[in-house]
Structure formats: structure tokens, C-alpha cells
């Protein structure tokens, strides 16, 4: 093990509304145990953070954000560790830089062990690319992969059989969709995505129930249709459907994953997929 790996890794995923942090200790020092789950999880083969934190940064004073991160770091022996940051929110980067200083490395698409086949790779959200980096560690050789991230925005992205990022689709997440109904209408109530705790009845018996049904099943339908259309854009034949794998991550992944199958192929829930992609990238850059 090289000295850089012995130092451990702090991974930060700065999204549109939240910062997700993961602590990856030196491999020989990891003491975390696998936690049981009733969900279909495909996480073997991925580095998994021993400790993780997700905090909102939108409309939060920078000082409050850094203090929350510092509280999380207190019990962690992170001093001297590497710090890799994947960010789609430049204004938050300044606060992170003040906290970590020269230890921080802001990742760009050129740092990733990934071929990016789009017109302007530098404009692709690095979180989308890192999901494919993680998926490439999980997928079986020669399989096409669809990665799904369910957060502030929902993204559905395609990775080719050789592991290259081919592009994808972005649309509003549950929270943004719910807020748009309140802003764009005069009578509909404001609902939070957190009020949807289980798959709702598609026939809502009240206005609130109808909104929940539309938000939930609308997202499920959009994800499934986009994944199908992306699959159809590849040379993969219908009889080769078992060559497809789908991985879903993000804050609302648990809520949707059981209904995201395509023709009998399940979507597999992978927690902390972006953080895992950062850890894999750090390994490649060591």
C-alpha cells in the first residue's frame, strides 16, 4: 500500500442543494461492518465510506456549513488525508477551500478514468460522470449500463458496453416538481418530497394524494421510458436485454428503486455512488 493510500481519503460531492461527505480510512484501518438491507443492493466491489454525512447548503450561510462539516470531522482522524471534491456548485467551493486548504483537489472530467463521448465534456455535471465510474467497477464485462440518480434533479445516463459515458437526460426531481406546482398555480398546496414515504395509490382521493401520485408515478414513468429509449439507441438487440444493468443512487433512490425495472431487469440500489466514484478516481490518480 502506498503512502497516499495509507493517509485515507475525504470525498466531497457538492450537489445543487446538498453536500455529501464520505470518509474512506486506510484500507487496513477500516472497521465498519456490512449492514443488512431488504433492498436490492449491488455494492460489492465498490469502496464504501466508513462514515458519511449529507447536509443542505442552499440558503445556508457559509459559516454554518463549515461548522457542520467540522463537527462531523471531530471524531475522524482525517488530518493529513487527501481531500477530493466533485462539485457542480462553484460558490460552495470557496467555503470548502477555506476549510481544507491545500489538501483539497477539485476534480475535473479529465481526472476521471472514463472516456466521455459528448460534444462538451467539460460542461457535464461531474456527479453524472462519477456515477458511471462507479458503475464500471460493478458492471459485468461488455454490459451496457444505465445509471439513475434521484436527487434535486433526476438524471438518467447511458454507459456503453466499453464503459464510456454516452450522455443522458436531466429533469426535475420530486422536490422541484412539487414546488413548481405551488408556484405555477393559484390553488394547489405546497408539498415536500419528504411527505412521500411509500409508493402512493395512483388514484389519489384528495388533492394532496393526487399530487403525490403524480409526482411519484410521473418520476417512475419518466425514468423507465428514458432508460428504454437510451437502450434503443444502442446496438443492443431485444433478445440481449439481459446484457443491460441499471444502478440507482441518490437521496430518493430507496423510494423509487422497486418500480424501476425494465422488462424484468431490476434497477439495483447503490448507496453513495458518487462518493465511490471519487474514491475510485483517487485510486487511479495515486
C-alpha atoms as a PDB file:
ATOM      1  CA  UNK A   1       0.000   0.000   0.000  1.00  0.00           C
ATOM      2  CA  UNK A   2       1.459   3.375  -0.978  1.00  0.00           C
ATOM      3  CA  UNK A   3       1.762   6.215   1.496  1.00  0.00           C
ATOM      4  CA  UNK A   4      -1.041   8.199  -0.128  1.00  0.00           C
ATOM      5  CA  UNK A   5      -3.480   5.301   0.338  1.00  0.00           C
ATOM      6  CA  UNK A   6      -2.339   4.941   3.950  1.00  0.00           C
ATOM      7  CA  UNK A   7      -3.440   8.527   4.598  1.00  0.00           C
ATOM      8  CA  UNK A   8      -7.107   7.847   3.912  1.00  0.00           C
ATOM      9  CA  UNK A   9      -9.494   9.922   1.819  1.00  0.00           C
ATOM     10  CA  UNK A  10     -12.149  12.556   2.362  1.00  0.00           C
ATOM     11  CA  UNK A  11     -14.562  12.633  -0.579  1.00  0.00           C
ATOM     12  CA  UNK A  12     -16.985  15.528  -1.064  1.00  0.00           C
ATOM     13  CA  UNK A  13     -19.845  15.566  -3.534  1.00  0.00           C
ATOM     14  CA  UNK A  14     -21.136  19.144  -3.796  1.00  0.00           C
ATOM     15  CA  UNK A  15     -24.525  18.926  -5.474  1.00  0.00           C
ATOM     16  CA  UNK A  16     -27.136  21.508  -6.398  1.00  0.00           C
ATOM     17  CA  UNK A  17     -28.598  21.685  -2.896  1.00  0.00           C
ATOM     18  CA  UNK A  18     -26.595  19.377  -0.618  1.00  0.00           C
ATOM     19  CA  UNK A  19     -23.024  18.471   0.222  1.00  0.00           C
ATOM     20  CA  UNK A  20     -22.353  14.759   0.695  1.00  0.00           C
ATOM     21  CA  UNK A  21     -19.169  13.788   2.510  1.00  0.00           C
ATOM     22  CA  UNK A  22     -17.554  10.399   2.885  1.00  0.00           C
ATOM     23  CA  UNK A  23     -14.590   9.248   4.948  1.00  0.00           C
ATOM     24  CA  UNK A  24     -12.598   6.370   3.459  1.00  0.00           C
ATOM     25  CA  UNK A  25      -9.987   5.328   6.036  1.00  0.00           C
ATOM     26  CA  UNK A  26      -6.816   3.474   5.108  1.00  0.00           C
ATOM     27  CA  UNK A  27      -7.896   0.028   3.936  1.00  0.00           C
ATOM     28  CA  UNK A  28      -6.161  -1.799   6.779  1.00  0.00           C
ATOM     29  CA  UNK A  29      -7.834   0.522   9.313  1.00  0.00           C
ATOM     30  CA  UNK A  30     -11.440   0.106   8.140  1.00  0.00           C
ATOM     31  CA  UNK A  31     -13.577  -1.266  10.947  1.00  0.00           C
ATOM     32  CA  UNK A  32     -17.068  -0.827   9.507  1.00  0.00           C
ATOM     33  CA  UNK A  33     -19.282  -3.864   9.057  1.00  0.00           C
ATOM     34  CA  UNK A  34     -21.699  -4.605   6.247  1.00  0.00           C
ATOM     35  CA  UNK A  35     -25.213  -3.519   7.161  1.00  0.00           C
ATOM     36  CA  UNK A  36     -28.171  -5.727   6.223  1.00  0.00           C
ATOM     37  CA  UNK A  37     -30.897  -4.362   3.956  1.00  0.00           C
ATOM     38  CA  UNK A  38     -34.138  -5.596   2.433  1.00  0.00           C
ATOM     39  CA  UNK A  39     -33.478  -3.570  -0.729  1.00  0.00           C
ATOM     40  CA  UNK A  40     -31.818  -4.990  -3.858  1.00  0.00           C
ATOM     41  CA  UNK A  41     -28.338  -3.565  -3.379  1.00  0.00           C
ATOM     42  CA  UNK A  42     -25.426  -4.147  -5.727  1.00  0.00           C
ATOM     43  CA  UNK A  43     -22.487  -2.612  -3.919  1.00  0.00           C
ATOM     44  CA  UNK A  44     -19.858  -5.338  -3.737  1.00  0.00           C
ATOM     45  CA  UNK A  45     -16.630  -4.278  -5.374  1.00  0.00           C
ATOM     46  CA  UNK A  46     -17.129  -0.593  -4.589  1.00  0.00           C
ATOM     47  CA  UNK A  47     -15.240   1.361  -1.949  1.00  0.00           C
ATOM     48  CA  UNK A  48     -17.761   2.318   0.722  1.00  0.00           C
ATOM     49  CA  UNK A  49     -17.334   5.225   3.159  1.00  0.00           C
ATOM     50  CA  UNK A  50     -16.929   4.265   6.783  1.00  0.00           C
ATOM     51  CA  UNK A  51     -18.719   7.461   7.757  1.00  0.00           C
ATOM     52  CA  UNK A  52     -20.920   9.712   5.638  1.00  0.00           C
ATOM     53  CA  UNK A  53     -22.805  12.968   6.013  1.00  0.00           C
ATOM     54  CA  UNK A  54     -25.318  14.820   3.838  1.00  0.00           C
ATOM     55  CA  UNK A  55     -26.139  18.432   4.658  1.00  0.00           C
ATOM     56  CA  UNK A  56     -28.070  21.150   2.851  1.00  0.00           C
ATOM     57  CA  UNK A  57     -26.095  24.132   1.585  1.00  0.00           C
ATOM     58  CA  UNK A  58     -28.818  26.008  -0.271  1.00  0.00           C
ATOM     59  CA  UNK A  59     -29.704  29.240   1.581  1.00  0.00           C
ATOM     60  CA  UNK A  60     -27.295  28.238   4.387  1.00  0.00           C
ATOM     61  CA  UNK A  61     -24.659  30.798   5.493  1.00  0.00           C
ATOM     62  CA  UNK A  62     -21.144  29.573   4.595  1.00  0.00           C
ATOM     63  CA  UNK A  63     -20.055  29.683   8.225  1.00  0.00           C
ATOM     64  CA  UNK A  64     -22.899  27.396   9.278  1.00  0.00           C
ATOM     65  CA  UNK A  65     -21.965  24.929   6.549  1.00  0.00           C
ATOM     66  CA  UNK A  66     -18.300  24.748   7.536  1.00  0.00           C
ATOM     67  CA  UNK A  67     -19.156  24.420  11.237  1.00  0.00           C
ATOM     68  CA  UNK A  68     -21.419  21.453  10.474  1.00  0.00           C
ATOM     69  CA  UNK A  69     -18.623  19.808   8.483  1.00  0.00           C
ATOM     70  CA  UNK A  70     -16.146  20.477  11.292  1.00  0.00           C
ATOM     71  CA  UNK A  71     -18.480  18.828  13.828  1.00  0.00           C
ATOM     72  CA  UNK A  72     -18.697  15.741  11.625  1.00  0.00           C
ATOM     73  CA  UNK A  73     -14.914  15.645  11.275  1.00  0.00           C
ATOM     74  CA  UNK A  74     -14.193  15.873  15.019  1.00  0.00           C
ATOM     75  CA  UNK A  75     -14.148  12.102  15.740  1.00  0.00           C
ATOM     76  CA  UNK A  76     -12.359  11.265  12.477  1.00  0.00           C
ATOM     77  CA  UNK A  77      -8.563  11.035  12.274  1.00  0.00           C
ATOM     78  CA  UNK A  78      -8.538  12.805   8.920  1.00  0.00           C
ATOM     79  CA  UNK A  79      -5.584  15.173   9.373  1.00  0.00           C
ATOM     80  CA  UNK A  80      -3.064  14.631   6.603  1.00  0.00           C
ATOM     81  CA  UNK A  81      -5.608  12.835   4.437  1.00  0.00           C
ATOM     82  CA  UNK A  82      -6.264  13.523   0.816  1.00  0.00           C
ATOM     83  CA  UNK A  83      -9.411  15.561   0.056  1.00  0.00           C
ATOM     84  CA  UNK A  84     -11.060  15.168  -3.336  1.00  0.00           C
ATOM     85  CA  UNK A  85     -14.052  17.321  -4.268  1.00  0.00           C
ATOM     86  CA  UNK A  86     -16.555  16.841  -7.082  1.00  0.00           C
ATOM     87  CA  UNK A  87     -18.695  19.940  -7.412  1.00  0.00           C
ATOM     88  CA  UNK A  88     -21.488  21.354  -9.552  1.00  0.00           C
ATOM     89  CA  UNK A  89     -21.852  24.411  -7.300  1.00  0.00           C
ATOM     90  CA  UNK A  90     -18.820  26.755  -7.580  1.00  0.00           C
ATOM     91  CA  UNK A  91     -19.995  29.161  -4.875  1.00  0.00           C
ATOM     92  CA  UNK A  92     -19.745  26.393  -2.258  1.00  0.00           C
ATOM     93  CA  UNK A  93     -16.212  25.526  -3.341  1.00  0.00           C
ATOM     94  CA  UNK A  94     -14.828  28.652  -1.679  1.00  0.00           C
ATOM     95  CA  UNK A  95     -16.099  27.576   1.751  1.00  0.00           C
ATOM     96  CA  UNK A  96     -14.669  24.084   1.283  1.00  0.00           C
ATOM     97  CA  UNK A  97     -11.330  25.533   0.166  1.00  0.00           C
ATOM     98  CA  UNK A  98     -11.140  27.671   3.307  1.00  0.00           C
ATOM     99  CA  UNK A  99     -11.685  24.553   5.424  1.00  0.00           C
ATOM    100  CA  UNK A 100      -9.301  22.137   3.710  1.00  0.00           C
ATOM    101  CA  UNK A 101      -6.777  24.464   2.060  1.00  0.00           C
ATOM    102  CA  UNK A 102      -4.009  22.796   0.068  1.00  0.00           C
ATOM    103  CA  UNK A 103      -5.339  19.307   0.924  1.00  0.00           C
ATOM    104  CA  UNK A 104      -8.296  19.894  -1.382  1.00  0.00           C
ATOM    105  CA  UNK A 105      -8.237  18.793  -5.009  1.00  0.00           C
ATOM    106  CA  UNK A 106     -11.171  19.845  -7.180  1.00  0.00           C
ATOM    107  CA  UNK A 107     -11.813  17.137  -9.743  1.00  0.00           C
ATOM    108  CA  UNK A 108     -12.373  17.800 -13.440  1.00  0.00           C
ATOM    109  CA  UNK A 109     -13.646  15.387 -16.071  1.00  0.00           C
ATOM    110  CA  UNK A 110     -10.068  14.938 -17.327  1.00  0.00           C
ATOM    111  CA  UNK A 111      -9.079  13.451 -13.949  1.00  0.00           C
ATOM    112  CA  UNK A 112     -11.570  10.611 -14.188  1.00  0.00           C
ATOM    113  CA  UNK A 113     -10.718   7.122 -15.510  1.00  0.00           C
ATOM    114  CA  UNK A 114     -13.514   7.488 -18.046  1.00  0.00           C
ATOM    115  CA  UNK A 115     -13.988   8.103 -21.754  1.00  0.00           C
ATOM    116  CA  UNK A 116     -16.621  10.842 -22.211  1.00  0.00           C
ATOM    117  CA  UNK A 117     -18.319  10.796 -25.625  1.00  0.00           C
ATOM    118  CA  UNK A 118     -20.282  14.040 -25.662  1.00  0.00           C
ATOM    119  CA  UNK A 119     -19.855  17.334 -27.503  1.00  0.00           C
ATOM    120  CA  UNK A 120     -18.670  19.381 -24.485  1.00  0.00           C
ATOM    121  CA  UNK A 121     -17.437  17.034 -21.751  1.00  0.00           C
ATOM    122  CA  UNK A 122     -16.322  19.914 -19.546  1.00  0.00           C
ATOM    123  CA  UNK A 123     -19.960  21.001 -19.190  1.00  0.00           C
ATOM    124  CA  UNK A 124     -21.294  17.645 -17.997  1.00  0.00           C
ATOM    125  CA  UNK A 125     -22.060  17.538 -14.272  1.00  0.00           C
ATOM    126  CA  UNK A 126     -19.165  15.639 -12.760  1.00  0.00           C
ATOM    127  CA  UNK A 127     -21.554  13.770 -10.471  1.00  0.00           C
ATOM    128  CA  UNK A 128     -23.103  12.135 -13.545  1.00  0.00           C
ATOM    129  CA  UNK A 129     -19.678  11.043 -14.753  1.00  0.00           C
ATOM    130  CA  UNK A 130     -18.661   9.693 -11.346  1.00  0.00           C
ATOM    131  CA  UNK A 131     -21.767   7.519 -11.230  1.00  0.00           C
ATOM    132  CA  UNK A 132     -20.535   5.848 -14.406  1.00  0.00           C
ATOM    133  CA  UNK A 133     -17.031   5.486 -12.935  1.00  0.00           C
ATOM    134  CA  UNK A 134     -18.626   3.576 -10.054  1.00  0.00           C
ATOM    135  CA  UNK A 135     -20.897   1.598 -12.373  1.00  0.00           C
ATOM    136  CA  UNK A 136     -17.882   0.468 -14.388  1.00  0.00           C
ATOM    137  CA  UNK A 137     -16.494  -1.133 -11.230  1.00  0.00           C
ATOM    138  CA  UNK A 138     -19.763  -3.050 -10.753  1.00  0.00           C
ATOM    139  CA  UNK A 139     -20.870  -3.974 -14.247  1.00  0.00           C
ATOM    140  CA  UNK A 140     -20.088  -7.250 -15.921  1.00  0.00           C
ATOM    141  CA  UNK A 141     -17.737  -7.023 -18.933  1.00  0.00           C
ATOM    142  CA  UNK A 142     -19.443  -5.968 -22.139  1.00  0.00           C
ATOM    143  CA  UNK A 143     -22.685  -4.884 -20.498  1.00  0.00           C
ATOM    144  CA  UNK A 144     -24.471  -1.641 -21.234  1.00  0.00           C
ATOM    145  CA  UNK A 145     -25.296   0.351 -18.104  1.00  0.00           C
ATOM    146  CA  UNK A 146     -27.940   2.923 -17.249  1.00  0.00           C
ATOM    147  CA  UNK A 147     -27.174   4.982 -14.141  1.00  0.00           C
ATOM    148  CA  UNK A 148     -30.020   6.788 -12.403  1.00  0.00           C
ATOM    149  CA  UNK A 149     -29.541   9.492  -9.772  1.00  0.00           C
ATOM    150  CA  UNK A 150     -32.620  10.649  -7.884  1.00  0.00           C
ATOM    151  CA  UNK A 151     -31.915  13.883  -6.068  1.00  0.00           C
ATOM    152  CA  UNK A 152     -32.652  17.594  -6.565  1.00  0.00           C
ATOM    153  CA  UNK A 153     -32.598  16.717 -10.249  1.00  0.00           C
ATOM    154  CA  UNK A 154     -33.127  13.258 -11.680  1.00  0.00           C
ATOM    155  CA  UNK A 155     -30.556  12.094 -14.211  1.00  0.00           C
ATOM    156  CA  UNK A 156     -30.675   9.014 -16.424  1.00  0.00           C
ATOM    157  CA  UNK A 157     -27.377   8.299 -18.163  1.00  0.00           C
ATOM    158  CA  UNK A 158     -26.053   5.704 -20.572  1.00  0.00           C
ATOM    159  CA  UNK A 159     -22.688   3.954 -20.452  1.00  0.00           C
ATOM    160  CA  UNK A 160     -21.653   1.923 -23.477  1.00  0.00           C
ATOM    161  CA  UNK A 161     -20.512  -1.686 -23.419  1.00  0.00           C
ATOM    162  CA  UNK A 162     -16.896  -0.464 -23.289  1.00  0.00           C
ATOM    163  CA  UNK A 163     -17.643   1.712 -20.249  1.00  0.00           C
ATOM    164  CA  UNK A 164     -17.701   5.109 -21.981  1.00  0.00           C
ATOM    165  CA  UNK A 165     -20.157   7.808 -20.894  1.00  0.00           C
ATOM    166  CA  UNK A 166     -22.515   8.399 -23.834  1.00  0.00           C
ATOM    167  CA  UNK A 167     -24.755  11.133 -22.397  1.00  0.00           C
ATOM    168  CA  UNK A 168     -28.192  11.106 -20.885  1.00  0.00           C
ATOM    169  CA  UNK A 169     -31.162  13.116 -19.671  1.00  0.00           C
ATOM    170  CA  UNK A 170     -31.894  15.510 -16.806  1.00  0.00           C
ATOM    171  CA  UNK A 171     -35.279  16.513 -15.412  1.00  0.00           C
ATOM    172  CA  UNK A 172     -36.626  17.987 -12.158  1.00  0.00           C
ATOM    173  CA  UNK A 173     -36.573  15.865  -9.030  1.00  0.00           C
ATOM    174  CA  UNK A 174     -39.559  15.272  -6.769  1.00  0.00           C
ATOM    175  CA  UNK A 175     -38.943  18.376  -4.655  1.00  0.00           C
ATOM    176  CA  UNK A 176     -38.562  20.786  -7.575  1.00  0.00           C
ATOM    177  CA  UNK A 177     -41.613  19.323  -9.304  1.00  0.00           C
ATOM    178  CA  UNK A 178     -43.691  19.713  -6.153  1.00  0.00           C
ATOM    179  CA  UNK A 179     -42.558  23.333  -5.694  1.00  0.00           C
ATOM    180  CA  UNK A 180     -43.347  24.194  -9.320  1.00  0.00           C
ATOM    181  CA  UNK A 181     -46.975  23.145  -8.850  1.00  0.00           C
ATOM    182  CA  UNK A 182     -47.375  25.599  -5.983  1.00  0.00           C
ATOM    183  CA  UNK A 183     -45.594  28.448  -7.793  1.00  0.00           C
ATOM    184  CA  UNK A 184     -47.336  27.886 -11.118  1.00  0.00           C
ATOM    185  CA  UNK A 185     -50.896  27.522  -9.829  1.00  0.00           C
ATOM    186  CA  UNK A 186     -53.221  29.548  -7.630  1.00  0.00           C
ATOM    187  CA  UNK A 187     -54.807  26.817  -5.518  1.00  0.00           C
ATOM    188  CA  UNK A 188     -52.600  23.728  -5.336  1.00  0.00           C
ATOM    189  CA  UNK A 189     -50.870  23.196  -1.977  1.00  0.00           C
ATOM    190  CA  UNK A 190     -47.130  23.091  -1.397  1.00  0.00           C
ATOM    191  CA  UNK A 191     -45.942  19.536  -0.748  1.00  0.00           C
ATOM    192  CA  UNK A 192     -42.475  18.363   0.173  1.00  0.00           C
ATOM    193  CA  UNK A 193     -40.971  15.265  -1.394  1.00  0.00           C
ATOM    194  CA  UNK A 194     -40.396  14.020   2.158  1.00  0.00           C
ATOM    195  CA  UNK A 195     -44.170  13.582   2.544  1.00  0.00           C
ATOM    196  CA  UNK A 196     -43.987  10.682   0.071  1.00  0.00           C
ATOM    197  CA  UNK A 197     -42.827   7.873   2.334  1.00  0.00           C
ATOM    198  CA  UNK A 198     -44.093   4.927   0.253  1.00  0.00           C
ATOM    199  CA  UNK A 199     -45.431   4.346  -3.262  1.00  0.00           C
ATOM    200  CA  UNK A 200     -48.770   6.191  -3.289  1.00  0.00           C
ATOM    201  CA  UNK A 201     -52.061   4.956  -4.687  1.00  0.00           C
ATOM    202  CA  UNK A 202     -52.121   6.087  -8.337  1.00  0.00           C
ATOM    203  CA  UNK A 203     -55.763   7.090  -7.859  1.00  0.00           C
ATOM    204  CA  UNK A 204     -55.494   9.906  -5.335  1.00  0.00           C
ATOM    205  CA  UNK A 205     -58.653  10.534  -3.298  1.00  0.00           C
ATOM    206  CA  UNK A 206     -57.690  14.099  -2.339  1.00  0.00           C
ATOM    207  CA  UNK A 207     -55.746  16.925  -3.939  1.00  0.00           C
ATOM    208  CA  UNK A 208     -52.656  16.178  -1.862  1.00  0.00           C
ATOM    209  CA  UNK A 209     -52.912  12.453  -2.616  1.00  0.00           C
ATOM    210  CA  UNK A 210     -53.319  13.191  -6.321  1.00  0.00           C
ATOM    211  CA  UNK A 211     -50.195  15.388  -6.300  1.00  0.00           C
ATOM    212  CA  UNK A 212     -48.216  12.659  -4.548  1.00  0.00           C
ATOM    213  CA  UNK A 213     -49.407  10.116  -7.118  1.00  0.00           C
ATOM    214  CA  UNK A 214     -48.429  12.400  -9.987  1.00  0.00           C
ATOM    215  CA  UNK A 215     -45.011  13.201  -8.551  1.00  0.00           C
ATOM    216  CA  UNK A 216     -44.121   9.613  -7.708  1.00  0.00           C
ATOM    217  CA  UNK A 217     -45.516   7.710 -10.671  1.00  0.00           C
ATOM    218  CA  UNK A 218     -44.590  10.515 -13.073  1.00  0.00           C
ATOM    219  CA  UNK A 219     -40.944  10.177 -11.995  1.00  0.00           C
ATOM    220  CA  UNK A 220     -41.087   6.385 -12.242  1.00  0.00           C
ATOM    221  CA  UNK A 221     -42.605   6.539 -15.715  1.00  0.00           C
ATOM    222  CA  UNK A 222     -40.147   9.142 -16.971  1.00  0.00           C
ATOM    223  CA  UNK A 223     -37.134   7.200 -15.701  1.00  0.00           C
ATOM    224  CA  UNK A 224     -38.314   3.919 -17.196  1.00  0.00           C
ATOM    225  CA  UNK A 225     -39.161   5.449 -20.569  1.00  0.00           C
ATOM    226  CA  UNK A 226     -35.867   7.311 -20.791  1.00  0.00           C
ATOM    227  CA  UNK A 227     -33.944   4.152 -19.921  1.00  0.00           C
ATOM    228  CA  UNK A 228     -35.828   2.247 -22.631  1.00  0.00           C
ATOM    229  CA  UNK A 229     -35.166   4.934 -25.234  1.00  0.00           C
ATOM    230  CA  UNK A 230     -31.495   5.091 -24.308  1.00  0.00           C
ATOM    231  CA  UNK A 231     -31.281   1.336 -24.622  1.00  0.00           C
ATOM    232  CA  UNK A 232     -32.890   1.519 -28.067  1.00  0.00           C
ATOM    233  CA  UNK A 233     -30.192   3.978 -29.157  1.00  0.00           C
ATOM    234  CA  UNK A 234     -27.550   1.266 -28.746  1.00  0.00           C
ATOM    235  CA  UNK A 235     -26.784  -1.747 -30.959  1.00  0.00           C
ATOM    236  CA  UNK A 236     -28.212  -3.972 -28.200  1.00  0.00           C
ATOM    237  CA  UNK A 237     -30.939  -6.262 -29.539  1.00  0.00           C
ATOM    238  CA  UNK A 238     -34.158  -7.020 -27.663  1.00  0.00           C
ATOM    239  CA  UNK A 239     -33.115 -10.645 -27.134  1.00  0.00           C
ATOM    240  CA  UNK A 240     -29.950  -9.358 -25.473  1.00  0.00           C
ATOM    241  CA  UNK A 241     -31.851  -7.445 -22.767  1.00  0.00           C
ATOM    242  CA  UNK A 242     -30.006  -9.428 -20.093  1.00  0.00           C
ATOM    243  CA  UNK A 243     -26.890  -7.511 -21.156  1.00  0.00           C
ATOM    244  CA  UNK A 244     -28.348  -4.389 -19.535  1.00  0.00           C
ATOM    245  CA  UNK A 245     -27.662  -3.331 -15.945  1.00  0.00           C
ATOM    246  CA  UNK A 246     -29.270  -0.397 -14.130  1.00  0.00           C
ATOM    247  CA  UNK A 247     -27.939   1.231 -10.978  1.00  0.00           C
ATOM    248  CA  UNK A 248     -29.846   3.840  -8.988  1.00  0.00           C
ATOM    249  CA  UNK A 249     -28.470   6.192  -6.348  1.00  0.00           C
ATOM    250  CA  UNK A 250     -29.360   9.472  -4.660  1.00  0.00           C
ATOM    251  CA  UNK A 251     -31.452  10.689  -1.765  1.00  0.00           C
ATOM    252  CA  UNK A 252     -34.763   9.350  -3.076  1.00  0.00           C
ATOM    253  CA  UNK A 253     -33.372   6.166  -4.626  1.00  0.00           C
ATOM    254  CA  UNK A 254     -34.841   3.875  -1.956  1.00  0.00           C
ATOM    255  CA  UNK A 255     -38.293   5.296  -2.590  1.00  0.00           C
ATOM    256  CA  UNK A 256     -38.335   4.542  -6.323  1.00  0.00           C
ATOM    257  CA  UNK A 257     -35.999   1.604  -6.921  1.00  0.00           C
ATOM    258  CA  UNK A 258     -38.532  -1.228  -6.623  1.00  0.00           C
ATOM    259  CA  UNK A 259     -40.556   0.141  -9.562  1.00  0.00           C
ATOM    260  CA  UNK A 260     -37.726   0.949 -11.984  1.00  0.00           C
ATOM    261  CA  UNK A 261     -37.344  -2.449 -13.614  1.00  0.00           C
ATOM    262  CA  UNK A 262     -37.381  -2.734 -17.404  1.00  0.00           C
ATOM    263  CA  UNK A 263     -38.706  -5.948 -18.938  1.00  0.00           C
ATOM    264  CA  UNK A 264     -37.809  -7.902 -15.826  1.00  0.00           C
ATOM    265  CA  UNK A 265     -34.353  -6.363 -15.387  1.00  0.00           C
ATOM    266  CA  UNK A 266     -34.283  -4.711 -11.929  1.00  0.00           C
ATOM    267  CA  UNK A 267     -32.653  -1.427 -11.054  1.00  0.00           C
ATOM    268  CA  UNK A 268     -30.090  -2.064  -8.345  1.00  0.00           C
ATOM    269  CA  UNK A 269     -29.739   0.405  -5.487  1.00  0.00           C
ATOM    270  CA  UNK A 270     -26.156   1.543  -4.860  1.00  0.00           C
ATOM    271  CA  UNK A 271     -25.715   3.938  -1.903  1.00  0.00           C
ATOM    272  CA  UNK A 272     -23.069   6.679  -2.134  1.00  0.00           C
ATOM    273  CA  UNK A 273     -22.357   6.041  -5.801  1.00  0.00           C
ATOM    274  CA  UNK A 274     -20.771   9.444  -6.455  1.00  0.00           C
ATOM    275  CA  UNK A 275     -18.588   9.176  -3.336  1.00  0.00           C
ATOM    276  CA  UNK A 276     -17.480   5.717  -4.503  1.00  0.00           C
ATOM    277  CA  UNK A 277     -16.630   7.175  -7.908  1.00  0.00           C
ATOM    278  CA  UNK A 278     -14.487   9.815  -6.192  1.00  0.00           C
ATOM    279  CA  UNK A 279     -12.653   7.118  -4.222  1.00  0.00           C
ATOM    280  CA  UNK A 280     -12.020   5.104  -7.402  1.00  0.00           C
ATOM    281  CA  UNK A 281     -10.720   8.231  -9.142  1.00  0.00           C
ATOM    282  CA  UNK A 282      -8.429   8.943  -6.185  1.00  0.00           C
ATOM    283  CA  UNK A 283      -7.009   5.428  -6.513  1.00  0.00           C
ATOM    284  CA  UNK A 284      -6.357   5.998 -10.211  1.00  0.00           C
ATOM    285  CA  UNK A 285      -4.601   9.311  -9.533  1.00  0.00           C
ATOM    286  CA  UNK A 286      -2.388   7.969  -6.728  1.00  0.00           C
END
